[in-house]
Amino acid sequence: MTARKGRRSGGRQAKRAARQEDQLQISAYIDRAIPYYNMLSDEALETIEHNADTVLEEIGINFLDTPDALELWRNAGADVDGERVRFPRGLCRQLIQATAPAEEVNSIRVSSTVVPQSASAATVSGDGSFANPPNPPASESTRAHQAGPNTAAP
């Protein structure tokens, strides 16, 4: 029988130390590795903007049951007729350029909850901000998935 000299390697402490050394450095932001390119010419973009301005000026948008939003648009210089808002040519671009951030940073999020959401429409709340429509009622299969395999769906 041989005498033991010191401690054996490869035990719990060695594994813990190895895990701490090998931790990955994950970026908190998505780094774009794809080069930028223009899908449309400047002329095509100008045509789209011109036509959008025409629709906003001649047809407008209905803001239903939102008197506060109508007042905000009136104060911004839009033509408010009942619940219909028509925008003078260039007003929307001016407001976007004055208020939108120059750059948006998307962070990585991990979600373990499945939330069904309809992206078919957006609404404007009373303070003038945009909001998604309310979530539709979840189906039985969605509720069962959210509840997990070992619990009963409500």
Protein backbone atom coordinates (compact mmCIF):
# COMPACT_ATOMS: atom_id res chain seq x y z
CA MET A 1 0.00 0.00 0.00
CA THR A 2 1.35 3.38 -0.93
CA ALA A 3 1.03 6.49 1.17
CA ARG A 4 -1.06 9.38 -0.18
CA LYS A 5 0.82 12.56 -0.86
CA GLY A 6 -1.33 15.70 -0.73
CA ARG A 7 -4.76 15.96 -2.31
CA ARG A 8 -5.99 14.38 -5.47
CA SER A 9 -6.64 16.62 -8.46
CA GLY A 10 -9.89 16.66 -10.37
CA GLY A 11 -12.18 17.01 -7.38
CA ARG A 12 -14.93 19.49 -6.72
CA GLN A 13 -12.60 22.44 -6.13
CA ALA A 14 -10.71 21.83 -9.38
CA LYS A 15 -13.94 21.65 -11.36
CA ARG A 16 -15.22 24.86 -9.75
CA ALA A 17 -11.96 26.66 -10.57
CA ALA A 18 -12.11 25.43 -14.19
CA ARG A 19 -15.69 26.68 -14.56
CA GLN A 20 -14.74 30.12 -13.28
CA GLU A 21 -11.83 30.36 -15.71
CA ASP A 22 -13.89 29.28 -18.72
CA GLN A 23 -16.78 31.71 -18.37
CA LEU A 24 -17.76 33.17 -21.72
CA GLN A 25 -17.77 36.88 -22.26
CA ILE A 26 -21.21 37.62 -23.75
CA SER A 27 -21.80 41.01 -25.29
CA ALA A 28 -24.75 42.90 -23.86
CA TYR A 29 -25.49 44.26 -27.34
CA ILE A 30 -25.92 42.78 -30.77
CA ASP A 31 -22.93 43.65 -32.93
CA ARG A 32 -23.83 44.07 -36.59
CA ALA A 33 -21.43 42.09 -38.78
CA ILE A 34 -23.40 42.60 -42.01
CA PRO A 35 -22.46 45.63 -44.13
CA TYR A 36 -25.11 48.27 -44.78
CA TYR A 37 -26.57 48.54 -48.27
CA ASN A 38 -29.34 50.51 -49.93
CA MET A 39 -32.28 48.45 -51.15
CA LEU A 40 -33.89 51.43 -52.87
CA SER A 41 -32.46 54.35 -54.77
CA ASP A 42 -32.79 57.88 -53.40
CA GLU A 43 -35.39 58.60 -56.07
CA ALA A 44 -37.52 55.60 -54.99
CA LEU A 45 -37.33 56.69 -51.35
CA GLU A 46 -38.41 60.21 -52.29
CA THR A 47 -41.37 58.78 -54.24
CA ILE A 48 -42.47 56.70 -51.24
CA GLU A 49 -42.17 59.69 -48.90
CA HIS A 50 -44.06 61.94 -51.33
CA ASN A 51 -46.91 59.42 -51.63
CA ALA A 52 -47.05 58.90 -47.85
CA ASP A 53 -47.26 62.67 -47.35
CA THR A 54 -50.08 62.80 -49.92
CA VAL A 55 -52.09 60.11 -48.10
CA LEU A 56 -51.53 61.76 -44.70
CA GLU A 57 -52.48 65.17 -46.09
CA GLU A 58 -55.55 64.21 -48.15
CA ILE A 59 -56.96 61.17 -46.30
CA GLY A 60 -55.47 61.40 -42.81
CA ILE A 61 -55.85 59.02 -39.89
CA ASN A 62 -58.79 58.47 -37.53
CA PHE A 63 -57.93 58.65 -33.83
CA LEU A 64 -60.97 57.07 -32.19
CA ASP A 65 -61.88 57.89 -28.58
CA THR A 66 -58.63 59.75 -27.89
CA PRO A 67 -59.42 63.44 -27.29
CA ASP A 68 -56.02 63.99 -25.65
CA ALA A 69 -54.23 62.71 -28.77
CA LEU A 70 -56.40 64.93 -30.97
CA GLU A 71 -55.42 67.94 -28.86
CA LEU A 72 -51.72 67.01 -29.13
CA TRP A 73 -52.00 66.78 -32.93
CA ARG A 74 -53.88 70.10 -33.08
CA ASN A 75 -51.12 71.76 -31.03
CA ALA A 76 -48.46 70.21 -33.31
CA GLY A 77 -50.04 71.85 -36.36
CA ALA A 78 -52.22 69.07 -37.79
CA ASP A 79 -55.72 69.70 -39.16
CA VAL A 80 -58.16 67.99 -36.77
CA ASP A 81 -61.71 67.46 -38.07
CA GLY A 82 -63.74 65.44 -35.54
CA GLU A 83 -61.66 62.30 -35.00
CA ARG A 84 -59.91 62.58 -38.40
CA VAL A 85 -56.42 64.07 -38.37
CA ARG A 86 -54.81 65.32 -41.58
CA PHE A 87 -51.14 66.23 -41.57
CA PRO A 88 -49.67 69.09 -43.59
CA ARG A 89 -46.98 67.93 -45.98
CA GLY A 90 -43.69 67.46 -44.10
CA LEU A 91 -45.14 67.68 -40.56
CA CYS A 92 -44.62 63.99 -39.75
CA ARG A 93 -41.01 64.06 -40.99
CA GLN A 94 -40.37 67.22 -38.97
CA LEU A 95 -41.77 65.66 -35.78
CA ILE A 96 -39.82 62.43 -36.29
CA GLN A 97 -36.55 64.27 -36.89
CA ALA A 98 -37.11 66.42 -33.81
CA THR A 99 -38.05 63.60 -31.41
CA ALA A 100 -36.71 60.23 -32.60
CA PRO A 101 -33.29 59.10 -31.34
CA ALA A 102 -30.50 59.15 -33.91
CA GLU A 103 -29.56 55.57 -33.07
CA GLU A 104 -31.26 52.68 -31.31
CA VAL A 105 -29.37 50.01 -29.40
CA ASN A 106 -31.02 46.60 -29.12
CA SER A 107 -30.04 44.56 -26.10
CA ILE A 108 -30.27 40.81 -25.83
CA ARG A 109 -33.24 39.53 -23.84
CA VAL A 110 -34.05 36.01 -22.81
CA SER A 111 -37.69 35.20 -22.11
CA SER A 112 -39.02 31.95 -20.72
CA THR A 113 -42.67 32.97 -21.05
CA VAL A 114 -44.65 32.63 -24.26
CA VAL A 115 -47.03 35.58 -24.66
CA PRO A 116 -49.19 35.51 -27.79
CA GLN A 117 -49.60 38.98 -29.23
CA SER A 118 -51.40 40.24 -32.28
CA ALA A 119 -49.31 42.50 -34.49
CA SER A 120 -52.14 43.23 -36.90
CA ALA A 121 -52.83 46.73 -35.59
CA ALA A 122 -51.54 49.42 -33.28
CA THR A 123 -53.53 51.94 -31.31
CA VAL A 124 -52.76 55.45 -30.14
CA SER A 125 -53.36 56.04 -26.45
CA GLY A 126 -54.69 59.26 -24.95
CA ASP A 127 -51.17 60.61 -24.37
CA GLY A 128 -50.30 60.22 -28.06
CA SER A 129 -48.05 57.19 -27.64
CA PHE A 130 -48.48 54.04 -29.69
CA ALA A 131 -49.45 50.76 -28.05
CA ASN A 132 -50.06 47.23 -29.21
CA PRO A 133 -53.63 45.97 -29.11
CA PRO A 134 -54.65 43.89 -26.12
CA ASN A 135 -53.59 40.28 -26.22
CA PRO A 136 -56.25 37.90 -27.54
CA PRO A 137 -57.48 35.21 -25.16
CA ALA A 138 -54.95 32.42 -24.96
CA SER A 139 -55.95 29.08 -26.44
CA GLU A 140 -56.04 25.94 -24.30
CA SER A 141 -52.77 24.69 -25.82
CA THR A 142 -51.04 28.03 -25.13
CA ARG A 143 -52.24 28.05 -21.51
CA ALA A 144 -51.04 24.47 -21.06
CA HIS A 145 -47.64 25.39 -22.53
CA GLN A 146 -47.33 28.41 -20.25
CA ALA A 147 -48.40 26.43 -17.19
CA GLY A 148 -45.79 23.73 -17.81
CA PRO A 149 -46.03 19.96 -18.11
CA ASN A 150 -46.68 19.22 -14.42
CA THR A 151 -49.42 21.74 -13.73
CA ALA A 152 -53.01 21.99 -14.84
CA ALA A 153 -54.08 24.83 -17.10
CA PRO A 154 -56.51 27.34 -15.53
